[in-house]
Amino acid sequence: MFEIILGCIVFVALITLIIIIYHNKYKSVIVKIEEAENNIGILLDKKLDLLKKCIAPIRRSLKDKTYMEDLEEFSKREMTSLELHNYLRKNYNKLFKTLDENEKLYKRKALVSVIDELNENEISLSASIKFYNDNVSINNKLVSTFPSNIIRIFFGYKSKDFYDNEKREVFEILKDK
């Protein structure tokens, strides 16, 4: 009888330990994801401001009063960070396409300094997105694999979206195996 009680105690202790370990893994990854989301939000706001700073000098040089008019009037509204990132990436690409087509714009010192700042911001943003995606990958793996998927049910953890489509595709390939 004593062995049965001791066995039950050991079994309950082992299950409790597993729950604690996986719960802590989830919490650790969630903290990292939230930290990355905050950094990405700050960098996206800065990117928006820098893109807006580029509009006036380009308009003056190109004599085009409608250049990036939608960006100038843009406000974040009810946009998620993912949607804002995609919107700003399109405008960033449009800016650099314009710069490539009009090399005279590189002679404007005010514009060049903003572009340098924009490039530095883009490097930091890419690093933050990589950090975010790496941790989302870990989170989504925990959500979909045993025994952490059982812990997910009890605590309500959910999978998260990636910033890059290629990272999502890699996860989907791994998930299918």
C-alpha atoms as a PDB file:
ATOM      1  CA  MET A   1       0.000   0.000   0.000  1.00  0.00           C
ATOM      2  CA  PHE A   2       2.825   2.383   0.884  1.00  0.00           C
ATOM      3  CA  GLU A   3       4.447   1.745  -2.533  1.00  0.00           C
ATOM      4  CA  ILE A   4       1.228   2.683  -4.332  1.00  0.00           C
ATOM      5  CA  ILE A   5       0.885   5.952  -2.393  1.00  0.00           C
ATOM      6  CA  LEU A   6       4.573   6.744  -2.962  1.00  0.00           C
ATOM      7  CA  GLY A   7       4.183   5.934  -6.661  1.00  0.00           C
ATOM      8  CA  CYS A   8       1.159   8.253  -6.916  1.00  0.00           C
ATOM      9  CA  ILE A   9       3.048  11.044  -5.164  1.00  0.00           C
ATOM     10  CA  VAL A  10       6.032  10.610  -7.499  1.00  0.00           C
ATOM     11  CA  PHE A  11       3.711  10.541 -10.534  1.00  0.00           C
ATOM     12  CA  VAL A  12       1.882  13.720  -9.453  1.00  0.00           C
ATOM     13  CA  ALA A  13       5.207  15.423  -8.677  1.00  0.00           C
ATOM     14  CA  LEU A  14       6.549  14.448 -12.118  1.00  0.00           C
ATOM     15  CA  ILE A  15       3.441  15.753 -13.907  1.00  0.00           C
ATOM     16  CA  THR A  16       3.585  18.972 -11.865  1.00  0.00           C
ATOM     17  CA  LEU A  17       7.257  19.401 -12.751  1.00  0.00           C
ATOM     18  CA  ILE A  18       6.528  18.924 -16.469  1.00  0.00           C
ATOM     19  CA  ILE A  19       3.701  21.473 -16.287  1.00  0.00           C
ATOM     20  CA  ILE A  20       5.946  23.995 -14.528  1.00  0.00           C
ATOM     21  CA  ILE A  21       8.813  23.509 -17.001  1.00  0.00           C
ATOM     22  CA  TYR A  22       6.625  23.966 -20.095  1.00  0.00           C
ATOM     23  CA  HIS A  23       4.644  26.814 -18.551  1.00  0.00           C
ATOM     24  CA  ASN A  24       7.934  28.610 -17.876  1.00  0.00           C
ATOM     25  CA  LYS A  25       9.084  27.957 -21.470  1.00  0.00           C
ATOM     26  CA  TYR A  26       5.890  29.563 -22.756  1.00  0.00           C
ATOM     27  CA  LYS A  27       6.252  32.531 -20.400  1.00  0.00           C
ATOM     28  CA  SER A  28       9.882  33.075 -21.395  1.00  0.00           C
ATOM     29  CA  VAL A  29       9.087  33.008 -25.113  1.00  0.00           C
ATOM     30  CA  ILE A  30       6.058  35.283 -24.659  1.00  0.00           C
ATOM     31  CA  VAL A  31       8.186  37.863 -22.830  1.00  0.00           C
ATOM     32  CA  LYS A  32      10.713  37.805 -25.692  1.00  0.00           C
ATOM     33  CA  ILE A  33       7.943  38.134 -28.283  1.00  0.00           C
ATOM     34  CA  GLU A  34       6.420  41.108 -26.437  1.00  0.00           C
ATOM     35  CA  GLU A  35       9.846  42.747 -26.174  1.00  0.00           C
ATOM     36  CA  ALA A  36      10.376  42.281 -29.912  1.00  0.00           C
ATOM     37  CA  GLU A  37       6.877  43.632 -30.656  1.00  0.00           C
ATOM     38  CA  ASN A  38       7.648  46.773 -28.639  1.00  0.00           C
ATOM     39  CA  ASN A  39      10.948  47.287 -30.459  1.00  0.00           C
ATOM     40  CA  ILE A  40       9.297  46.696 -33.829  1.00  0.00           C
ATOM     41  CA  GLY A  41       6.552  49.194 -32.974  1.00  0.00           C
ATOM     42  CA  ILE A  42       9.106  51.867 -32.094  1.00  0.00           C
ATOM     43  CA  LEU A  43      11.129  51.181 -35.243  1.00  0.00           C
ATOM     44  CA  LEU A  44       8.014  51.218 -37.447  1.00  0.00           C
ATOM     45  CA  ASP A  45       6.995  54.605 -36.015  1.00  0.00           C
ATOM     46  CA  LYS A  46      10.485  55.926 -36.713  1.00  0.00           C
ATOM     47  CA  LYS A  47      10.391  54.468 -40.246  1.00  0.00           C
ATOM     48  CA  LEU A  48       7.078  56.219 -40.888  1.00  0.00           C
ATOM     49  CA  ASP A  49       8.501  59.536 -39.685  1.00  0.00           C
ATOM     50  CA  LEU A  50      11.652  59.144 -41.787  1.00  0.00           C
ATOM     51  CA  LEU A  51       9.683  58.230 -44.906  1.00  0.00           C
ATOM     52  CA  LYS A  52       7.517  61.314 -44.399  1.00  0.00           C
ATOM     53  CA  LYS A  53      10.674  63.465 -44.081  1.00  0.00           C
ATOM     54  CA  CYS A  54      11.759  62.290 -47.532  1.00  0.00           C
ATOM     55  CA  ILE A  55       8.591  63.427 -49.274  1.00  0.00           C
ATOM     56  CA  ALA A  56       9.141  67.209 -49.372  1.00  0.00           C
ATOM     57  CA  PRO A  57      12.708  67.186 -50.792  1.00  0.00           C
ATOM     58  CA  ILE A  58      11.738  64.642 -53.437  1.00  0.00           C
ATOM     59  CA  ARG A  59       8.665  66.634 -54.416  1.00  0.00           C
ATOM     60  CA  ARG A  60      10.759  69.770 -54.805  1.00  0.00           C
ATOM     61  CA  SER A  61      13.374  67.997 -56.920  1.00  0.00           C
ATOM     62  CA  LEU A  62      10.906  66.128 -59.105  1.00  0.00           C
ATOM     63  CA  LYS A  63       8.367  68.969 -59.172  1.00  0.00           C
ATOM     64  CA  ASP A  64       5.673  66.407 -58.405  1.00  0.00           C
ATOM     65  CA  LYS A  65       3.207  67.666 -55.795  1.00  0.00           C
ATOM     66  CA  THR A  66       1.417  64.312 -55.554  1.00  0.00           C
ATOM     67  CA  TYR A  67       4.461  62.113 -54.844  1.00  0.00           C
ATOM     68  CA  MET A  68       3.595  59.742 -51.954  1.00  0.00           C
ATOM     69  CA  GLU A  69       0.500  61.762 -51.126  1.00  0.00           C
ATOM     70  CA  ASP A  70      -1.130  58.770 -49.434  1.00  0.00           C
ATOM     71  CA  LEU A  71       1.850  58.368 -47.086  1.00  0.00           C
ATOM     72  CA  GLU A  72       1.841  62.040 -46.158  1.00  0.00           C
ATOM     73  CA  GLU A  73      -1.801  61.840 -45.093  1.00  0.00           C
ATOM     74  CA  PHE A  74      -1.391  58.399 -43.534  1.00  0.00           C
ATOM     75  CA  SER A  75      -2.276  57.681 -39.937  1.00  0.00           C
ATOM     76  CA  LYS A  76      -1.928  54.242 -38.369  1.00  0.00           C
ATOM     77  CA  ARG A  77      -5.645  53.971 -37.606  1.00  0.00           C
ATOM     78  CA  GLU A  78      -6.567  50.445 -36.511  1.00  0.00           C
ATOM     79  CA  MET A  79      -3.600  48.787 -38.220  1.00  0.00           C
ATOM     80  CA  THR A  80      -1.703  45.889 -36.714  1.00  0.00           C
ATOM     81  CA  SER A  81       2.086  45.988 -36.675  1.00  0.00           C
ATOM     82  CA  LEU A  82       2.134  43.379 -39.432  1.00  0.00           C
ATOM     83  CA  GLU A  83      -0.107  45.507 -41.661  1.00  0.00           C
ATOM     84  CA  LEU A  84       1.886  48.659 -40.869  1.00  0.00           C
ATOM     85  CA  HIS A  85       5.123  46.842 -41.666  1.00  0.00           C
ATOM     86  CA  ASN A  86       3.801  45.726 -45.055  1.00  0.00           C
ATOM     87  CA  TYR A  87       2.459  49.198 -45.856  1.00  0.00           C
ATOM     88  CA  LEU A  88       5.732  50.893 -44.926  1.00  0.00           C
ATOM     89  CA  ARG A  89       7.772  48.291 -46.816  1.00  0.00           C
ATOM     90  CA  LYS A  90       5.830  49.115 -50.010  1.00  0.00           C
ATOM     91  CA  ASN A  91       6.516  52.823 -49.522  1.00  0.00           C
ATOM     92  CA  TYR A  92      10.165  52.172 -48.663  1.00  0.00           C
ATOM     93  CA  ASN A  93      10.543  50.202 -51.905  1.00  0.00           C
ATOM     94  CA  LYS A  94       8.750  52.964 -53.825  1.00  0.00           C
ATOM     95  CA  LEU A  95      11.139  55.545 -52.347  1.00  0.00           C
ATOM     96  CA  PHE A  96      14.222  53.595 -53.383  1.00  0.00           C
ATOM     97  CA  LYS A  97      12.803  52.944 -56.832  1.00  0.00           C
ATOM     98  CA  THR A  98      12.371  56.700 -57.213  1.00  0.00           C
ATOM     99  CA  LEU A  99      15.913  57.295 -55.970  1.00  0.00           C
ATOM    100  CA  ASP A 100      17.314  54.758 -58.425  1.00  0.00           C
ATOM    101  CA  GLU A 101      15.435  56.352 -61.309  1.00  0.00           C
ATOM    102  CA  ASN A 102      16.531  59.886 -60.327  1.00  0.00           C
ATOM    103  CA  GLU A 103      20.176  59.873 -59.297  1.00  0.00           C
ATOM    104  CA  LYS A 104      20.161  63.650 -58.922  1.00  0.00           C
ATOM    105  CA  LEU A 105      18.263  63.128 -55.660  1.00  0.00           C
ATOM    106  CA  TYR A 106      21.423  61.701 -54.088  1.00  0.00           C
ATOM    107  CA  LYS A 107      22.991  65.169 -54.383  1.00  0.00           C
ATOM    108  CA  ARG A 108      20.575  66.637 -51.840  1.00  0.00           C
ATOM    109  CA  LYS A 109      22.430  66.442 -48.502  1.00  0.00           C
ATOM    110  CA  ALA A 110      19.306  66.728 -46.367  1.00  0.00           C
ATOM    111  CA  LEU A 111      17.729  63.823 -48.200  1.00  0.00           C
ATOM    112  CA  VAL A 112      20.884  61.695 -48.081  1.00  0.00           C
ATOM    113  CA  SER A 113      21.152  62.059 -44.285  1.00  0.00           C
ATOM    114  CA  VAL A 114      17.506  60.982 -43.869  1.00  0.00           C
ATOM    115  CA  ILE A 115      18.096  58.036 -46.213  1.00  0.00           C
ATOM    116  CA  ASP A 116      21.148  56.993 -44.180  1.00  0.00           C
ATOM    117  CA  GLU A 117      19.051  57.143 -41.031  1.00  0.00           C
ATOM    118  CA  LEU A 118      16.306  55.195 -42.804  1.00  0.00           C
ATOM    119  CA  ASN A 119      18.807  52.482 -43.798  1.00  0.00           C
ATOM    120  CA  GLU A 120      20.089  52.205 -40.212  1.00  0.00           C
ATOM    121  CA  ASN A 121      16.492  51.941 -39.015  1.00  0.00           C
ATOM    122  CA  GLU A 122      15.833  49.223 -41.597  1.00  0.00           C
ATOM    123  CA  ILE A 123      18.811  47.190 -40.319  1.00  0.00           C
ATOM    124  CA  SER A 124      17.544  47.472 -36.738  1.00  0.00           C
ATOM    125  CA  LEU A 125      14.016  46.620 -37.861  1.00  0.00           C
ATOM    126  CA  SER A 126      15.243  43.521 -39.717  1.00  0.00           C
ATOM    127  CA  ALA A 127      17.123  42.381 -36.609  1.00  0.00           C
ATOM    128  CA  SER A 128      14.065  42.912 -34.400  1.00  0.00           C
ATOM    129  CA  ILE A 129      11.855  41.054 -36.869  1.00  0.00           C
ATOM    130  CA  LYS A 130      14.329  38.165 -36.965  1.00  0.00           C
ATOM    131  CA  PHE A 131      14.337  38.036 -33.153  1.00  0.00           C
ATOM    132  CA  TYR A 132      10.524  38.135 -33.171  1.00  0.00           C
ATOM    133  CA  ASN A 133      10.206  35.434 -35.840  1.00  0.00           C
ATOM    134  CA  ASP A 134      12.715  33.169 -34.089  1.00  0.00           C
ATOM    135  CA  ASN A 135      10.726  33.359 -30.870  1.00  0.00           C
ATOM    136  CA  VAL A 136       7.391  32.970 -32.668  1.00  0.00           C
ATOM    137  CA  SER A 137       8.827  29.833 -34.249  1.00  0.00           C
ATOM    138  CA  ILE A 138       9.661  28.478 -30.786  1.00  0.00           C
ATOM    139  CA  ASN A 139       6.206  29.468 -29.499  1.00  0.00           C
ATOM    140  CA  ASN A 140       4.425  27.829 -32.431  1.00  0.00           C
ATOM    141  CA  LYS A 141       6.488  24.694 -31.995  1.00  0.00           C
ATOM    142  CA  LEU A 142       5.468  24.555 -28.322  1.00  0.00           C
ATOM    143  CA  VAL A 143       1.830  25.084 -29.298  1.00  0.00           C
ATOM    144  CA  SER A 144       1.870  22.205 -31.774  1.00  0.00           C
ATOM    145  CA  THR A 145       4.068  19.536 -30.131  1.00  0.00           C
ATOM    146  CA  PHE A 146       3.509  17.082 -27.291  1.00  0.00           C
ATOM    147  CA  PRO A 147       3.499  17.530 -24.259  1.00  0.00           C
ATOM    148  CA  SER A 148       3.519  21.329 -24.466  1.00  0.00           C
ATOM    149  CA  ASN A 149       0.357  21.340 -26.581  1.00  0.00           C
ATOM    150  CA  ILE A 150      -1.505  19.884 -23.590  1.00  0.00           C
ATOM    151  CA  ILE A 151      -0.168  22.702 -21.391  1.00  0.00           C
ATOM    152  CA  ARG A 152      -1.375  25.135 -24.110  1.00  0.00           C
ATOM    153  CA  ILE A 153      -4.929  23.888 -23.644  1.00  0.00           C
ATOM    154  CA  PHE A 154      -4.903  24.553 -19.895  1.00  0.00           C
ATOM    155  CA  PHE A 155      -3.298  28.009 -20.091  1.00  0.00           C
ATOM    156  CA  GLY A 156      -4.758  29.196 -23.419  1.00  0.00           C
ATOM    157  CA  TYR A 157      -1.521  29.788 -25.300  1.00  0.00           C
ATOM    158  CA  LYS A 158      -1.948  30.421 -29.017  1.00  0.00           C
ATOM    159  CA  SER A 159       0.226  30.350 -32.104  1.00  0.00           C
ATOM    160  CA  LYS A 160       1.356  33.712 -33.463  1.00  0.00           C
ATOM    161  CA  ASP A 161       1.846  35.135 -36.942  1.00  0.00           C
ATOM    162  CA  PHE A 162       5.249  35.646 -38.524  1.00  0.00           C
ATOM    163  CA  TYR A 163       6.414  38.859 -40.163  1.00  0.00           C
ATOM    164  CA  ASP A 164       7.927  37.057 -43.153  1.00  0.00           C
ATOM    165  CA  ASN A 165       6.132  34.644 -45.462  1.00  0.00           C
ATOM    166  CA  GLU A 166       9.265  32.530 -45.941  1.00  0.00           C
ATOM    167  CA  LYS A 167       9.553  31.961 -42.170  1.00  0.00           C
ATOM    168  CA  ARG A 168       5.897  30.889 -42.091  1.00  0.00           C
ATOM    169  CA  GLU A 169       6.537  28.467 -44.963  1.00  0.00           C
ATOM    170  CA  VAL A 170       9.521  26.952 -43.135  1.00  0.00           C
ATOM    171  CA  PHE A 171       7.371  26.439 -40.036  1.00  0.00           C
ATOM    172  CA  GLU A 172       4.562  24.858 -42.066  1.00  0.00           C
ATOM    173  CA  ILE A 173       7.071  22.447 -43.648  1.00  0.00           C
ATOM    174  CA  LEU A 174       8.447  21.504 -40.206  1.00  0.00           C
ATOM    175  CA  LYS A 175       4.931  21.181 -38.804  1.00  0.00           C
ATOM    176  CA  ASP A 176       3.936  18.691 -41.522  1.00  0.00           C
ATOM    177  CA  LYS A 177       6.849  16.338 -40.702  1.00  0.00           C
END
